[in-house]
Amino acid sequence: MKKYSIAFATLILFSSLGCFAQNSSDVLNDQQLADLQMQGTKKLQDLYDYLGILSNQAYEKEMRSDAVESAKKVFYANDCFIDGKIAKAYIDSCYNLKNRMKWKVVAVEVKQNMKLKVNVLDNEYYEGVVTFKISTGSDTISTKKAFIVLEKNRKQTASIKKGEWEAYVGDIR
């Protein structure tokens, strides 16, 4: 009976998480924006977890390579930056570090709520800003700013239907 209760609770959890992603309208309500912004913030935290894995040469090469690919997928576009460097190049450089970096996001704060924008291709998207503090394993804690971007998917993927809203990380400064 307990096994079924856990399965049912999991089913309810996943269906509730998918509720905001199922919205394919052009304008999102406040709750959907908050949920998706939280999803973007989680991707930001995941990014730094991936960087910790891929920079650790004690892990198997396959695991580190998977972390590289996962880290690159959190970004909104191929031309996003981390600290002034193209994100993909930054991630690749972390793979080759001699000493592992121990990144940890210790605090996140929403600085600018999500606002509807239009890009040069007339595609609508939302953009917001979060600030976060990051520890690098020593006593050093630095404050950074990250853009969170919400975009309607233009193509179908295994986990997301075309037209559903998805959260991504934009530039990190």
N, C-alpha and C. Protein backbone atom coordinates (compact mmCIF):
# COMPACT_ATOMS: atom_id res chain seq x y z
N MET A 1 0.82 -1.19 0.00
CA MET A 1 0.00 0.00 0.00
C MET A 1 0.87 1.26 0.00
N LYS A 2 1.95 1.22 0.80
CA LYS A 2 2.84 2.37 0.89
C LYS A 2 3.48 2.67 -0.47
N LYS A 3 3.81 1.60 -1.21
CA LYS A 3 4.41 1.76 -2.54
C LYS A 3 3.46 2.51 -3.46
N TYR A 4 2.18 2.20 -3.39
CA TYR A 4 1.19 2.87 -4.23
C TYR A 4 1.00 4.32 -3.81
N SER A 5 1.06 4.59 -2.51
CA SER A 5 0.93 5.96 -2.02
C SER A 5 2.07 6.82 -2.54
N ILE A 6 3.28 6.27 -2.53
CA ILE A 6 4.44 7.01 -3.03
C ILE A 6 4.30 7.26 -4.53
N ALA A 7 3.86 6.24 -5.26
CA ALA A 7 3.68 6.40 -6.71
C ALA A 7 2.62 7.45 -7.01
N PHE A 8 1.53 7.43 -6.24
CA PHE A 8 0.47 8.41 -6.45
C PHE A 8 0.94 9.81 -6.12
N ALA A 9 1.68 9.98 -5.01
CA ALA A 9 2.21 11.29 -4.63
C ALA A 9 3.17 11.81 -5.70
N THR A 10 3.98 10.92 -6.24
CA THR A 10 4.91 11.30 -7.31
C THR A 10 4.14 11.75 -8.55
N LEU A 11 3.09 11.02 -8.90
CA LEU A 11 2.28 11.38 -10.05
C LEU A 11 1.65 12.76 -9.86
N ILE A 12 1.13 13.02 -8.69
CA ILE A 12 0.52 14.33 -8.40
C ILE A 12 1.58 15.42 -8.47
N LEU A 13 2.75 15.17 -7.91
CA LEU A 13 3.82 16.16 -7.93
C LEU A 13 4.21 16.50 -9.37
N PHE A 14 4.45 15.50 -10.19
CA PHE A 14 4.85 15.76 -11.57
C PHE A 14 3.74 16.43 -12.38
N SER A 15 2.51 16.06 -12.14
CA SER A 15 1.43 16.71 -12.88
C SER A 15 1.27 18.16 -12.44
N SER A 16 1.49 18.46 -11.15
CA SER A 16 1.39 19.85 -10.71
C SER A 16 2.56 20.67 -11.22
N LEU A 17 3.74 20.07 -11.31
CA LEU A 17 4.88 20.78 -11.87
C LEU A 17 4.67 21.08 -13.34
N GLY A 18 3.97 20.23 -14.02
CA GLY A 18 3.75 20.42 -15.44
C GLY A 18 2.63 21.41 -15.75
N CYS A 19 1.85 21.79 -14.77
CA CYS A 19 0.72 22.69 -15.02
C CYS A 19 1.16 24.00 -15.65
N PHE A 20 2.18 24.62 -15.11
CA PHE A 20 2.59 25.90 -15.67
C PHE A 20 3.28 25.72 -17.00
N ALA A 21 3.92 24.59 -17.22
CA ALA A 21 4.59 24.37 -18.50
C ALA A 21 3.58 24.10 -19.61
N GLN A 22 2.39 23.64 -19.23
CA GLN A 22 1.39 23.31 -20.23
C GLN A 22 0.78 24.55 -20.87
N ASN A 23 0.94 25.71 -20.24
CA ASN A 23 0.34 26.93 -20.76
C ASN A 23 1.03 27.33 -22.05
N SER A 24 0.27 27.41 -23.10
CA SER A 24 0.85 27.80 -24.38
C SER A 24 0.33 29.16 -24.83
N SER A 25 -0.33 29.90 -23.92
CA SER A 25 -0.79 31.23 -24.30
C SER A 25 0.40 32.18 -24.35
N ASP A 26 0.18 33.33 -24.97
CA ASP A 26 1.28 34.28 -25.13
C ASP A 26 1.59 35.06 -23.86
N VAL A 27 0.62 35.20 -22.96
CA VAL A 27 0.82 35.96 -21.74
C VAL A 27 0.64 35.02 -20.56
N LEU A 28 1.59 35.08 -19.63
CA LEU A 28 1.55 34.23 -18.45
C LEU A 28 1.02 35.03 -17.26
N ASN A 29 0.29 34.36 -16.37
CA ASN A 29 -0.19 35.06 -15.17
C ASN A 29 0.94 35.11 -14.13
N ASP A 30 0.71 35.82 -13.05
CA ASP A 30 1.74 36.05 -12.03
C ASP A 30 2.26 34.74 -11.43
N GLN A 31 1.37 33.80 -11.17
CA GLN A 31 1.79 32.53 -10.57
C GLN A 31 2.65 31.73 -11.54
N GLN A 32 2.27 31.71 -12.81
CA GLN A 32 3.05 30.99 -13.82
C GLN A 32 4.43 31.64 -13.97
N LEU A 33 4.48 32.97 -13.97
CA LEU A 33 5.77 33.67 -14.05
C LEU A 33 6.65 33.33 -12.86
N ALA A 34 6.07 33.33 -11.67
CA ALA A 34 6.84 33.01 -10.46
C ALA A 34 7.36 31.57 -10.51
N ASP A 35 6.51 30.64 -10.94
CA ASP A 35 6.93 29.24 -11.04
C ASP A 35 8.06 29.06 -12.05
N LEU A 36 7.91 29.69 -13.20
CA LEU A 36 8.95 29.57 -14.23
C LEU A 36 10.23 30.29 -13.83
N GLN A 37 10.11 31.42 -13.15
CA GLN A 37 11.32 32.10 -12.68
C GLN A 37 12.05 31.22 -11.66
N MET A 38 11.29 30.52 -10.82
CA MET A 38 11.90 29.60 -9.87
C MET A 38 12.60 28.46 -10.61
N GLN A 39 12.00 27.99 -11.70
CA GLN A 39 12.61 26.95 -12.53
C GLN A 39 13.94 27.46 -13.11
N GLY A 40 13.96 28.72 -13.56
CA GLY A 40 15.20 29.31 -14.08
C GLY A 40 16.26 29.45 -13.00
N THR A 41 15.84 29.82 -11.80
CA THR A 41 16.77 29.94 -10.67
C THR A 41 17.35 28.57 -10.32
N LYS A 42 16.52 27.54 -10.40
CA LYS A 42 17.00 26.17 -10.15
C LYS A 42 18.02 25.76 -11.20
N LYS A 43 17.80 26.16 -12.45
CA LYS A 43 18.77 25.85 -13.51
C LYS A 43 20.10 26.57 -13.26
N LEU A 44 20.03 27.77 -12.71
CA LEU A 44 21.24 28.51 -12.36
C LEU A 44 22.03 27.74 -11.30
N GLN A 45 21.33 27.26 -10.28
CA GLN A 45 21.98 26.47 -9.24
C GLN A 45 22.53 25.16 -9.81
N ASP A 46 21.77 24.53 -10.69
CA ASP A 46 22.23 23.29 -11.34
C ASP A 46 23.50 23.53 -12.14
N LEU A 47 23.58 24.68 -12.82
CA LEU A 47 24.76 25.01 -13.60
C LEU A 47 26.02 24.93 -12.75
N TYR A 48 25.98 25.53 -11.58
CA TYR A 48 27.17 25.52 -10.73
C TYR A 48 27.44 24.13 -10.14
N ASP A 49 26.41 23.32 -9.96
CA ASP A 49 26.63 21.92 -9.57
C ASP A 49 27.34 21.17 -10.71
N TYR A 50 26.89 21.40 -11.94
CA TYR A 50 27.54 20.78 -13.10
C TYR A 50 29.00 21.21 -13.21
N LEU A 51 29.27 22.50 -12.98
CA LEU A 51 30.66 22.98 -13.06
C LEU A 51 31.54 22.29 -12.02
N GLY A 52 30.99 22.04 -10.83
CA GLY A 52 31.74 21.33 -9.80
C GLY A 52 32.06 19.90 -10.20
N ILE A 53 31.12 19.26 -10.89
CA ILE A 53 31.35 17.88 -11.35
C ILE A 53 32.36 17.85 -12.49
N LEU A 54 32.16 18.70 -13.49
CA LEU A 54 33.02 18.61 -14.67
C LEU A 54 34.44 19.10 -14.39
N SER A 55 34.64 19.89 -13.35
CA SER A 55 36.00 20.35 -13.03
C SER A 55 36.73 19.38 -12.10
N ASN A 56 36.04 18.33 -11.65
CA ASN A 56 36.63 17.37 -10.72
C ASN A 56 37.18 16.18 -11.51
N GLN A 57 38.49 16.13 -11.65
CA GLN A 57 39.12 15.06 -12.44
C GLN A 57 39.06 13.70 -11.76
N ALA A 58 38.59 13.65 -10.51
CA ALA A 58 38.43 12.36 -9.83
C ALA A 58 37.22 11.59 -10.38
N TYR A 59 36.28 12.29 -10.99
CA TYR A 59 35.11 11.64 -11.58
C TYR A 59 35.48 11.02 -12.93
N GLU A 60 34.69 10.01 -13.32
CA GLU A 60 34.91 9.37 -14.61
C GLU A 60 34.69 10.36 -15.75
N LYS A 61 35.42 10.15 -16.82
CA LYS A 61 35.36 11.05 -17.97
C LYS A 61 33.93 11.15 -18.53
N GLU A 62 33.21 10.04 -18.59
CA GLU A 62 31.85 10.05 -19.13
C GLU A 62 30.92 10.91 -18.27
N MET A 63 31.05 10.80 -16.96
CA MET A 63 30.23 11.60 -16.06
C MET A 63 30.54 13.09 -16.23
N ARG A 64 31.81 13.41 -16.35
CA ARG A 64 32.22 14.80 -16.54
C ARG A 64 31.73 15.33 -17.88
N SER A 65 31.80 14.51 -18.92
CA SER A 65 31.31 14.92 -20.24
C SER A 65 29.80 15.15 -20.23
N ASP A 66 29.07 14.30 -19.51
CA ASP A 66 27.62 14.50 -19.38
C ASP A 66 27.33 15.82 -18.67
N ALA A 67 28.14 16.15 -17.66
CA ALA A 67 27.96 17.41 -16.94
C ALA A 67 28.22 18.61 -17.85
N VAL A 68 29.20 18.48 -18.76
CA VAL A 68 29.48 19.55 -19.73
C VAL A 68 28.24 19.79 -20.59
N GLU A 69 27.67 18.73 -21.13
CA GLU A 69 26.49 18.86 -22.00
C GLU A 69 25.30 19.42 -21.22
N SER A 70 25.10 18.95 -20.01
CA SER A 70 23.99 19.44 -19.19
C SER A 70 24.17 20.93 -18.86
N ALA A 71 25.38 21.33 -18.56
CA ALA A 71 25.66 22.74 -18.25
C ALA A 71 25.35 23.63 -19.44
N LYS A 72 25.70 23.19 -20.62
CA LYS A 72 25.47 24.00 -21.82
C LYS A 72 23.98 24.13 -22.14
N LYS A 73 23.17 23.17 -21.73
CA LYS A 73 21.74 23.18 -22.05
C LYS A 73 20.93 24.15 -21.19
N VAL A 74 21.49 24.65 -20.10
CA VAL A 74 20.71 25.56 -19.25
C VAL A 74 20.62 26.96 -19.84
N PHE A 75 21.44 27.26 -20.86
CA PHE A 75 21.51 28.61 -21.39
C PHE A 75 20.48 28.87 -22.48
N TYR A 76 20.05 30.11 -22.52
CA TYR A 76 19.04 30.58 -23.47
C TYR A 76 19.53 30.52 -24.91
N ALA A 77 20.79 30.88 -25.13
CA ALA A 77 21.31 30.96 -26.50
C ALA A 77 22.79 30.60 -26.51
N ASN A 78 23.33 30.40 -27.69
CA ASN A 78 24.74 30.06 -27.84
C ASN A 78 25.68 31.23 -27.53
N ASP A 79 25.14 32.44 -27.52
CA ASP A 79 26.00 33.60 -27.29
C ASP A 79 25.86 34.19 -25.89
N CYS A 80 25.40 33.39 -24.93
CA CYS A 80 25.32 33.85 -23.54
C CYS A 80 26.73 33.89 -22.94
N PHE A 81 26.90 34.76 -21.95
CA PHE A 81 28.20 34.94 -21.33
C PHE A 81 28.19 34.57 -19.85
N ILE A 82 29.35 34.12 -19.38
CA ILE A 82 29.62 33.98 -17.95
C ILE A 82 30.87 34.81 -17.69
N ASP A 83 30.72 35.83 -16.88
CA ASP A 83 31.86 36.70 -16.52
C ASP A 83 32.64 37.19 -17.73
N GLY A 84 31.94 37.61 -18.78
CA GLY A 84 32.57 38.18 -19.95
C GLY A 84 33.10 37.18 -20.98
N LYS A 85 32.92 35.90 -20.72
CA LYS A 85 33.40 34.87 -21.63
C LYS A 85 32.19 34.09 -22.14
N ILE A 86 32.22 33.72 -23.42
CA ILE A 86 31.11 32.91 -23.97
C ILE A 86 30.92 31.69 -23.06
N ALA A 87 29.67 31.43 -22.69
CA ALA A 87 29.36 30.39 -21.71
C ALA A 87 29.94 29.02 -22.10
N LYS A 88 29.79 28.64 -23.35
CA LYS A 88 30.29 27.32 -23.77
C LYS A 88 31.81 27.23 -23.61
N ALA A 89 32.52 28.29 -23.94
CA ALA A 89 33.98 28.30 -23.78
C ALA A 89 34.35 28.28 -22.29
N TYR A 90 33.59 28.99 -21.48
CA TYR A 90 33.83 29.02 -20.04
C TYR A 90 33.66 27.60 -19.47
N ILE A 91 32.59 26.94 -19.86
CA ILE A 91 32.33 25.57 -19.39
C ILE A 91 33.45 24.63 -19.83
N ASP A 92 33.85 24.72 -21.09
CA ASP A 92 34.93 23.87 -21.59
C ASP A 92 36.23 24.13 -20.84
N SER A 93 36.50 25.40 -20.48
CA SER A 93 37.73 25.70 -19.76
C SER A 93 37.70 25.12 -18.34
N CYS A 94 36.53 25.03 -17.75
CA CYS A 94 36.41 24.44 -16.42
C CYS A 94 36.72 22.94 -16.45
N TYR A 95 36.42 22.30 -17.56
CA TYR A 95 36.69 20.86 -17.72
C TYR A 95 38.19 20.59 -17.60
N ASN A 96 38.99 21.53 -18.05
CA ASN A 96 40.44 21.34 -18.08
C ASN A 96 41.18 21.90 -16.87
N LEU A 97 40.45 22.30 -15.84
CA LEU A 97 41.11 22.83 -14.65
C LEU A 97 41.94 21.75 -13.96
N LYS A 98 43.11 22.13 -13.45
CA LYS A 98 43.95 21.18 -12.72
C LYS A 98 43.36 20.89 -11.34
N ASN A 99 42.85 21.93 -10.70
CA ASN A 99 42.27 21.77 -9.36
C ASN A 99 40.77 22.00 -9.43
N ARG A 100 40.04 21.13 -8.80
CA ARG A 100 38.59 21.20 -8.81
C ARG A 100 38.11 22.50 -8.17
N MET A 101 37.12 23.12 -8.80
CA MET A 101 36.45 24.27 -8.20
C MET A 101 35.23 23.76 -7.44
N LYS A 102 35.00 24.31 -6.28
CA LYS A 102 33.85 23.91 -5.47
C LYS A 102 32.86 25.06 -5.43
N TRP A 103 32.14 25.24 -6.52
CA TRP A 103 31.15 26.30 -6.59
C TRP A 103 29.91 25.91 -5.81
N LYS A 104 29.34 26.89 -5.13
CA LYS A 104 28.08 26.65 -4.44
C LYS A 104 27.31 27.97 -4.40
N VAL A 105 26.09 27.93 -4.93
CA VAL A 105 25.22 29.10 -4.86
C VAL A 105 24.65 29.12 -3.44
N VAL A 106 24.94 30.20 -2.71
CA VAL A 106 24.54 30.25 -1.31
C VAL A 106 23.32 31.11 -1.05
N ALA A 107 22.97 32.01 -1.96
CA ALA A 107 21.78 32.84 -1.78
C ALA A 107 21.36 33.40 -3.13
N VAL A 108 20.05 33.42 -3.37
CA VAL A 108 19.51 33.97 -4.61
C VAL A 108 18.40 34.95 -4.25
N GLU A 109 18.39 36.09 -4.93
CA GLU A 109 17.37 37.10 -4.68
C GLU A 109 16.88 37.65 -6.02
N VAL A 110 15.57 37.75 -6.17
CA VAL A 110 15.00 38.31 -7.40
C VAL A 110 15.19 39.83 -7.35
N LYS A 111 15.86 40.36 -8.36
CA LYS A 111 16.10 41.80 -8.43
C LYS A 111 15.13 42.48 -9.39
N GLN A 112 14.74 41.79 -10.42
CA GLN A 112 13.79 42.35 -11.39
C GLN A 112 12.83 41.25 -11.79
N ASN A 113 11.54 41.47 -11.55
CA ASN A 113 10.55 40.47 -11.93
C ASN A 113 10.50 40.31 -13.44
N MET A 114 9.90 39.22 -13.87
CA MET A 114 9.83 38.90 -15.29
C MET A 114 9.01 39.96 -16.03
N LYS A 115 9.55 40.43 -17.15
CA LYS A 115 8.87 41.41 -18.00
C LYS A 115 8.80 40.87 -19.43
N LEU A 116 7.66 41.07 -20.06
CA LEU A 116 7.46 40.61 -21.44
C LEU A 116 8.26 41.50 -22.39
N LYS A 117 8.99 40.88 -23.31
CA LYS A 117 9.81 41.59 -24.29
C LYS A 117 9.59 40.95 -25.65
N VAL A 118 10.11 41.59 -26.69
CA VAL A 118 10.04 41.06 -28.06
C VAL A 118 11.43 41.15 -28.65
N ASN A 119 11.91 40.06 -29.26
CA ASN A 119 13.25 40.09 -29.87
C ASN A 119 13.17 40.53 -31.33
N VAL A 120 14.30 40.54 -31.99
CA VAL A 120 14.38 41.04 -33.37
C VAL A 120 13.57 40.20 -34.36
N LEU A 121 13.26 38.98 -34.00
CA LEU A 121 12.46 38.11 -34.87
C LEU A 121 10.97 38.16 -34.51
N ASP A 122 10.60 39.16 -33.69
CA ASP A 122 9.23 39.33 -33.21
C ASP A 122 8.74 38.18 -32.34
N ASN A 123 9.66 37.42 -31.76
CA ASN A 123 9.29 36.38 -30.81
C ASN A 123 9.18 37.00 -29.42
N GLU A 124 8.11 36.69 -28.73
CA GLU A 124 7.94 37.21 -27.38
C GLU A 124 8.66 36.31 -26.38
N TYR A 125 9.21 36.93 -25.36
CA TYR A 125 9.85 36.20 -24.27
C TYR A 125 9.77 37.07 -23.03
N TYR A 126 10.05 36.47 -21.89
CA TYR A 126 10.10 37.20 -20.63
C TYR A 126 11.54 37.19 -20.15
N GLU A 127 11.92 38.27 -19.47
CA GLU A 127 13.26 38.33 -18.91
C GLU A 127 13.19 38.94 -17.52
N GLY A 128 13.95 38.38 -16.61
CA GLY A 128 14.05 38.89 -15.24
C GLY A 128 15.50 38.79 -14.80
N VAL A 129 15.79 39.37 -13.66
CA VAL A 129 17.16 39.38 -13.14
C VAL A 129 17.17 38.87 -11.71
N VAL A 130 18.12 38.00 -11.42
CA VAL A 130 18.36 37.58 -10.04
C VAL A 130 19.81 37.90 -9.69
N THR A 131 20.04 38.19 -8.44
CA THR A 131 21.42 38.29 -7.96
C THR A 131 21.64 37.07 -7.09
N PHE A 132 22.88 36.62 -7.07
CA PHE A 132 23.18 35.45 -6.24
C PHE A 132 24.58 35.56 -5.69
N LYS A 133 24.78 34.92 -4.57
CA LYS A 133 26.10 34.85 -3.96
C LYS A 133 26.62 33.46 -4.20
N ILE A 134 27.90 33.41 -4.54
CA ILE A 134 28.50 32.12 -4.86
C ILE A 134 29.78 31.96 -4.06
N SER A 135 29.94 30.78 -3.49
CA SER A 135 31.14 30.42 -2.76
C SER A 135 31.98 29.53 -3.66
N THR A 136 33.29 29.73 -3.61
CA THR A 136 34.18 28.90 -4.44
C THR A 136 34.96 27.91 -3.59
N GLY A 137 34.47 27.61 -2.41
CA GLY A 137 35.11 26.60 -1.58
C GLY A 137 36.03 27.19 -0.54
N SER A 138 36.57 28.35 -0.79
CA SER A 138 37.39 29.02 0.22
C SER A 138 36.49 30.00 0.96
N ASP A 139 37.07 30.96 1.60
CA ASP A 139 36.28 31.97 2.30
C ASP A 139 35.74 33.02 1.35
N THR A 140 36.03 32.90 0.07
CA THR A 140 35.62 33.90 -0.90
C THR A 140 34.17 33.69 -1.32
N ILE A 141 33.38 34.74 -1.14
CA ILE A 141 32.00 34.73 -1.61
C ILE A 141 31.83 35.96 -2.48
N SER A 142 31.38 35.75 -3.71
CA SER A 142 31.19 36.89 -4.61
C SER A 142 29.72 36.98 -4.99
N THR A 143 29.30 38.20 -5.34
CA THR A 143 27.93 38.44 -5.76
C THR A 143 27.90 38.59 -7.28
N LYS A 144 26.96 37.93 -7.90
CA LYS A 144 26.82 37.97 -9.35
C LYS A 144 25.37 38.26 -9.71
N LYS A 145 25.18 38.60 -10.96
CA LYS A 145 23.85 38.87 -11.49
C LYS A 145 23.63 37.93 -12.67
N ALA A 146 22.43 37.35 -12.72
CA ALA A 146 22.09 36.47 -13.83
C ALA A 146 20.73 36.86 -14.40
N PHE A 147 20.63 36.75 -15.70
CA PHE A 147 19.36 36.98 -16.37
C PHE A 147 18.65 35.64 -16.52
N ILE A 148 17.38 35.63 -16.18
CA ILE A 148 16.55 34.44 -16.37
C ILE A 148 15.61 34.75 -17.53
N VAL A 149 15.56 33.88 -18.51
CA VAL A 149 14.76 34.11 -19.71
C VAL A 149 13.72 33.00 -19.83
N LEU A 150 12.49 33.41 -20.09
CA LEU A 150 11.41 32.46 -20.35
C LEU A 150 11.05 32.56 -21.82
N GLU A 151 11.03 31.43 -22.48
CA GLU A 151 10.75 31.44 -23.92
C GLU A 151 9.78 30.31 -24.25
N LYS A 152 8.92 30.58 -25.22
CA LYS A 152 8.06 29.53 -25.75
C LYS A 152 8.90 28.66 -26.67
N ASN A 153 8.84 27.38 -26.46
CA ASN A 153 9.63 26.49 -27.32
C ASN A 153 9.12 26.53 -28.74
N ARG A 154 10.08 26.62 -29.66
CA ARG A 154 9.75 26.68 -31.08
C ARG A 154 9.80 25.31 -31.73
N LYS A 155 10.30 24.32 -30.99
CA LYS A 155 10.36 22.97 -31.54
C LYS A 155 10.07 21.96 -30.44
N GLN A 156 9.64 20.82 -30.83
CA GLN A 156 9.31 19.73 -29.93
C GLN A 156 10.58 19.04 -29.47
N THR A 157 10.68 18.76 -28.17
CA THR A 157 11.78 17.94 -27.65
C THR A 157 11.17 16.75 -26.93
N ALA A 158 12.02 15.90 -26.42
CA ALA A 158 11.53 14.71 -25.72
C ALA A 158 10.74 15.09 -24.46
N SER A 159 11.14 16.18 -23.80
CA SER A 159 10.49 16.53 -22.54
C SER A 159 9.57 17.74 -22.62
N ILE A 160 9.62 18.50 -23.70
CA ILE A 160 8.84 19.73 -23.79
C ILE A 160 8.13 19.80 -25.15
N LYS A 161 6.85 20.13 -25.09
CA LYS A 161 6.08 20.25 -26.32
C LYS A 161 6.31 21.61 -26.96
N LYS A 162 6.17 21.66 -28.24
CA LYS A 162 6.26 22.93 -28.98
C LYS A 162 5.19 23.87 -28.43
N GLY A 163 5.59 25.11 -28.19
CA GLY A 163 4.66 26.11 -27.70
C GLY A 163 4.58 26.24 -26.20
N GLU A 164 5.22 25.34 -25.45
CA GLU A 164 5.24 25.45 -23.99
C GLU A 164 6.35 26.40 -23.56
N TRP A 165 6.13 27.08 -22.46
CA TRP A 165 7.12 28.00 -21.91
C TRP A 165 8.19 27.23 -21.16
N GLU A 166 9.42 27.65 -21.31
CA GLU A 166 10.56 27.02 -20.64
C GLU A 166 11.48 28.12 -20.11
N ALA A 167 12.11 27.86 -18.97
CA ALA A 167 13.02 28.81 -18.35
C ALA A 167 14.47 28.46 -18.71
N TYR A 168 15.27 29.49 -18.93
CA TYR A 168 16.69 29.33 -19.26
C TYR A 168 17.51 30.37 -18.49
N VAL A 169 18.79 30.14 -18.44
CA VAL A 169 19.72 31.12 -17.88
C VAL A 169 20.25 31.94 -19.05
N GLY A 170 20.32 33.25 -18.87
CA GLY A 170 20.92 34.14 -19.86
C GLY A 170 22.34 34.49 -19.42
N ASP A 171 22.77 35.71 -19.63
CA ASP A 171 24.11 36.14 -19.24
C ASP A 171 24.28 36.14 -17.72
N ILE A 172 25.50 35.81 -17.30
CA ILE A 172 25.86 35.88 -15.88
C ILE A 172 27.01 36.87 -15.78
N ARG A 173 26.85 37.85 -14.91
CA ARG A 173 27.89 38.89 -14.75
C ARG A 173 28.33 38.99 -13.31
